[in-house]
Amino acid sequence: MKPSELIDKLIADLTDWRGEMLANIRKIIHDADPEIIEEWKWRGSPCWSHDGLISVANAHKNKVKLTLFQGASLPDPDKFFNAGLEGNKWRAIDLYEGDIIDERALKNIIQAAVAYNRAGREAKTSAGIRGIRPTAQTK
């Protein structure tokens, strides 16, 4: 099965509010970046990438968690992140039954994550073009 089909199945199998929440997250992610790629990793987690991993979503017993891989490096003027705030790299959004997603804030975060990944890729490409390579130090 393709990743998108596996994600479809996961959403369909979640017959409570979590399936609807995950479907809504997925739609907002695609609205934020129509070029985003869906992946299926870690034995059953929907992931989204664009020039590198952007996010992973997981349905837990009482919440849906959306984790952004470079979340600690992203602007969050809307204070959308509410979990994993102490981490050096990842930040997360825990969503519970009855929560309403701030679509604008989530789109902004996804777009910032894509820009972050793109900037990192471009920096690596530019360094390679200029001939800048890490040098091995000898003793």
C-alpha atoms as a PDB file:
ATOM      1  CA  MET A   1       0.000   0.000   0.000  1.00  0.00           C
ATOM      2  CA  LYS A   2       1.083   3.551  -0.656  1.00  0.00           C
ATOM      3  CA  PRO A   3       1.603   5.853   2.356  1.00  0.00           C
ATOM      4  CA  SER A   4      -1.490   7.892   1.468  1.00  0.00           C
ATOM      5  CA  GLU A   5      -3.572   4.698   1.417  1.00  0.00           C
ATOM      6  CA  LEU A   6      -2.185   3.637   4.797  1.00  0.00           C
ATOM      7  CA  ILE A   7      -3.077   7.035   6.226  1.00  0.00           C
ATOM      8  CA  ASP A   8      -6.578   6.760   4.721  1.00  0.00           C
ATOM      9  CA  LYS A   9      -6.960   3.378   6.418  1.00  0.00           C
ATOM     10  CA  LEU A  10      -5.689   4.665   9.766  1.00  0.00           C
ATOM     11  CA  ILE A  11      -8.190   7.523   9.681  1.00  0.00           C
ATOM     12  CA  ALA A  12     -11.035   5.183   8.700  1.00  0.00           C
ATOM     13  CA  ASP A  13     -10.123   2.751  11.489  1.00  0.00           C
ATOM     14  CA  LEU A  14     -10.263   5.535  14.081  1.00  0.00           C
ATOM     15  CA  THR A  15     -14.043   5.631  14.365  1.00  0.00           C
ATOM     16  CA  ASP A  16     -14.120   8.180  17.189  1.00  0.00           C
ATOM     17  CA  TRP A  17     -13.159  11.874  17.297  1.00  0.00           C
ATOM     18  CA  ARG A  18      -9.465  11.048  16.730  1.00  0.00           C
ATOM     19  CA  GLY A  19     -10.072   9.981  13.124  1.00  0.00           C
ATOM     20  CA  GLU A  20     -11.836  13.243  12.352  1.00  0.00           C
ATOM     21  CA  MET A  21      -9.083  15.222  14.097  1.00  0.00           C
ATOM     22  CA  LEU A  22      -6.338  13.419  12.173  1.00  0.00           C
ATOM     23  CA  ALA A  23      -8.199  13.962   8.891  1.00  0.00           C
ATOM     24  CA  ASN A  24      -8.510  17.666   9.695  1.00  0.00           C
ATOM     25  CA  ILE A  25      -4.785  17.949  10.523  1.00  0.00           C
ATOM     26  CA  ARG A  26      -3.932  16.211   7.266  1.00  0.00           C
ATOM     27  CA  LYS A  27      -6.130  18.578   5.256  1.00  0.00           C
ATOM     28  CA  ILE A  28      -4.609  21.662   6.891  1.00  0.00           C
ATOM     29  CA  ILE A  29      -1.084  20.367   6.223  1.00  0.00           C
ATOM     30  CA  HIS A  30      -1.903  19.843   2.537  1.00  0.00           C
ATOM     31  CA  ASP A  31      -3.574  23.261   2.344  1.00  0.00           C
ATOM     32  CA  ALA A  32      -0.447  24.838   3.846  1.00  0.00           C
ATOM     33  CA  ASP A  33       1.849  23.118   1.334  1.00  0.00           C
ATOM     34  CA  PRO A  34       0.309  21.344  -1.667  1.00  0.00           C
ATOM     35  CA  GLU A  35       3.747  19.879  -2.511  1.00  0.00           C
ATOM     36  CA  ILE A  36       4.124  18.100   0.823  1.00  0.00           C
ATOM     37  CA  ILE A  37       4.849  14.371   0.628  1.00  0.00           C
ATOM     38  CA  GLU A  38       3.054  11.821   2.771  1.00  0.00           C
ATOM     39  CA  GLU A  39       5.104   9.032   4.290  1.00  0.00           C
ATOM     40  CA  TRP A  40       4.474   6.089   6.589  1.00  0.00           C
ATOM     41  CA  LYS A  41       7.218   5.541   9.151  1.00  0.00           C
ATOM     42  CA  TRP A  42       7.985   3.888  12.430  1.00  0.00           C
ATOM     43  CA  ARG A  43       5.534   1.020  11.999  1.00  0.00           C
ATOM     44  CA  GLY A  44       2.407   3.062  11.623  1.00  0.00           C
ATOM     45  CA  SER A  45       2.913   6.797  11.884  1.00  0.00           C
ATOM     46  CA  PRO A  46       1.768   9.219   9.212  1.00  0.00           C
ATOM     47  CA  CYS A  47       4.555  11.667   8.398  1.00  0.00           C
ATOM     48  CA  TRP A  48       4.810  14.644   6.109  1.00  0.00           C
ATOM     49  CA  SER A  49       7.967  15.923   4.467  1.00  0.00           C
ATOM     50  CA  HIS A  50       9.196  18.601   2.108  1.00  0.00           C
ATOM     51  CA  ASP A  51      12.965  18.870   1.679  1.00  0.00           C
ATOM     52  CA  GLY A  52      13.185  16.815   4.869  1.00  0.00           C
ATOM     53  CA  LEU A  53      10.807  15.644   7.564  1.00  0.00           C
ATOM     54  CA  ILE A  54       8.247  18.163   8.724  1.00  0.00           C
ATOM     55  CA  SER A  55       5.919  16.351  11.107  1.00  0.00           C
ATOM     56  CA  VAL A  56       4.518  13.101  12.429  1.00  0.00           C
ATOM     57  CA  ALA A  57       1.036  12.499  13.834  1.00  0.00           C
ATOM     58  CA  ASN A  58      -0.042   9.836  16.281  1.00  0.00           C
ATOM     59  CA  ALA A  59      -3.425   8.951  17.696  1.00  0.00           C
ATOM     60  CA  HIS A  60      -3.117   8.107  21.378  1.00  0.00           C
ATOM     61  CA  LYS A  61      -5.834   6.863  23.701  1.00  0.00           C
ATOM     62  CA  ASN A  62      -7.018  10.341  24.723  1.00  0.00           C
ATOM     63  CA  LYS A  63      -5.310  12.714  22.264  1.00  0.00           C
ATOM     64  CA  VAL A  64      -3.886  13.245  18.817  1.00  0.00           C
ATOM     65  CA  LYS A  65      -0.289  14.453  18.867  1.00  0.00           C
ATOM     66  CA  LEU A  66       1.295  16.359  16.002  1.00  0.00           C
ATOM     67  CA  THR A  67       5.049  16.644  16.422  1.00  0.00           C
ATOM     68  CA  LEU A  68       7.184  18.978  14.322  1.00  0.00           C
ATOM     69  CA  PHE A  69      10.751  17.794  13.901  1.00  0.00           C
ATOM     70  CA  GLN A  70      12.362  21.236  13.899  1.00  0.00           C
ATOM     71  CA  GLY A  71       9.726  22.823  16.115  1.00  0.00           C
ATOM     72  CA  ALA A  72      12.203  24.385  18.545  1.00  0.00           C
ATOM     73  CA  SER A  73      13.694  26.358  15.637  1.00  0.00           C
ATOM     74  CA  LEU A  74      10.361  27.621  14.296  1.00  0.00           C
ATOM     75  CA  PRO A  75       8.571  30.855  15.141  1.00  0.00           C
ATOM     76  CA  ASP A  76       5.397  30.311  17.152  1.00  0.00           C
ATOM     77  CA  PRO A  77       3.834  33.763  17.599  1.00  0.00           C
ATOM     78  CA  ASP A  78       0.403  32.195  18.205  1.00  0.00           C
ATOM     79  CA  LYS A  79       1.770  29.968  21.004  1.00  0.00           C
ATOM     80  CA  PHE A  80       0.332  26.959  19.189  1.00  0.00           C
ATOM     81  CA  PHE A  81       2.856  24.456  20.553  1.00  0.00           C
ATOM     82  CA  ASN A  82       1.667  23.044  23.864  1.00  0.00           C
ATOM     83  CA  ALA A  83       3.853  19.956  24.362  1.00  0.00           C
ATOM     84  CA  GLY A  84       7.522  19.080  24.205  1.00  0.00           C
ATOM     85  CA  LEU A  85       8.408  22.675  24.997  1.00  0.00           C
ATOM     86  CA  GLU A  86      11.541  21.696  26.890  1.00  0.00           C
ATOM     87  CA  GLY A  87      13.080  19.825  23.954  1.00  0.00           C
ATOM     88  CA  ASN A  88      16.025  21.130  21.966  1.00  0.00           C
ATOM     89  CA  LYS A  89      14.624  20.091  18.594  1.00  0.00           C
ATOM     90  CA  TRP A  90      11.025  18.875  18.548  1.00  0.00           C
ATOM     91  CA  ARG A  91       7.842  20.654  19.562  1.00  0.00           C
ATOM     92  CA  ALA A  92       4.360  19.175  19.606  1.00  0.00           C
ATOM     93  CA  ILE A  93       0.706  20.034  19.638  1.00  0.00           C
ATOM     94  CA  ASP A  94      -1.528  17.809  21.754  1.00  0.00           C
ATOM     95  CA  LEU A  95      -5.154  17.916  20.650  1.00  0.00           C
ATOM     96  CA  TYR A  96      -7.973  16.523  22.766  1.00  0.00           C
ATOM     97  CA  GLU A  97     -11.594  15.709  22.124  1.00  0.00           C
ATOM     98  CA  GLY A  98     -13.522  18.931  21.542  1.00  0.00           C
ATOM     99  CA  ASP A  99     -10.431  20.993  20.660  1.00  0.00           C
ATOM    100  CA  ILE A 100     -10.689  23.221  17.621  1.00  0.00           C
ATOM    101  CA  ILE A 101      -7.527  23.613  15.564  1.00  0.00           C
ATOM    102  CA  ASP A 102      -6.378  27.147  14.827  1.00  0.00           C
ATOM    103  CA  GLU A 103      -5.958  26.523  11.088  1.00  0.00           C
ATOM    104  CA  ARG A 104      -4.073  29.740  10.437  1.00  0.00           C
ATOM    105  CA  ALA A 105      -1.552  29.022  13.200  1.00  0.00           C
ATOM    106  CA  LEU A 106      -1.008  25.436  12.017  1.00  0.00           C
ATOM    107  CA  LYS A 107      -0.582  26.546   8.394  1.00  0.00           C
ATOM    108  CA  ASN A 108       1.954  29.152   9.505  1.00  0.00           C
ATOM    109  CA  ILE A 109       3.939  26.550  11.431  1.00  0.00           C
ATOM    110  CA  ILE A 110       3.913  24.078   8.530  1.00  0.00           C
ATOM    111  CA  GLN A 111       5.021  26.768   6.099  1.00  0.00           C
ATOM    112  CA  ALA A 112       7.779  27.869   8.491  1.00  0.00           C
ATOM    113  CA  ALA A 113       8.954  24.248   8.773  1.00  0.00           C
ATOM    114  CA  VAL A 114       9.097  23.917   4.979  1.00  0.00           C
ATOM    115  CA  ALA A 115      11.065  27.179   4.747  1.00  0.00           C
ATOM    116  CA  TYR A 116      13.426  25.950   7.478  1.00  0.00           C
ATOM    117  CA  ASN A 117      14.061  22.675   5.633  1.00  0.00           C
ATOM    118  CA  ARG A 118      14.495  24.454   2.313  1.00  0.00           C
ATOM    119  CA  ALA A 119      16.989  26.927   3.805  1.00  0.00           C
ATOM    120  CA  GLY A 120      19.020  24.071   5.259  1.00  0.00           C
ATOM    121  CA  ARG A 121      19.048  22.240   1.947  1.00  0.00           C
ATOM    122  CA  GLU A 122      20.037  25.367   0.042  1.00  0.00           C
ATOM    123  CA  ALA A 123      22.846  26.102   2.500  1.00  0.00           C
ATOM    124  CA  LYS A 124      24.225  22.590   2.031  1.00  0.00           C
ATOM    125  CA  THR A 125      23.947  22.895  -1.748  1.00  0.00           C
ATOM    126  CA  SER A 126      25.650  26.298  -1.759  1.00  0.00           C
ATOM    127  CA  ALA A 127      28.476  25.033   0.424  1.00  0.00           C
ATOM    128  CA  GLY A 128      29.021  22.112  -1.941  1.00  0.00           C
ATOM    129  CA  ILE A 129      28.995  24.369  -5.007  1.00  0.00           C
ATOM    130  CA  ARG A 130      31.580  26.689  -3.494  1.00  0.00           C
ATOM    131  CA  GLY A 131      33.746  23.701  -2.726  1.00  0.00           C
ATOM    132  CA  ILE A 132      33.382  24.062   1.025  1.00  0.00           C
ATOM    133  CA  ARG A 133      33.680  20.657   2.571  1.00  0.00           C
ATOM    134  CA  PRO A 134      34.382  19.579   6.114  1.00  0.00           C
ATOM    135  CA  THR A 135      38.045  18.789   6.529  1.00  0.00           C
ATOM    136  CA  ALA A 136      39.397  15.866   8.458  1.00  0.00           C
ATOM    137  CA  GLN A 137      41.837  16.878  11.141  1.00  0.00           C
ATOM    138  CA  THR A 138      44.916  14.793  11.661  1.00  0.00           C
ATOM    139  CA  LYS A 139      46.864  14.365  14.851  1.00  0.00           C
END
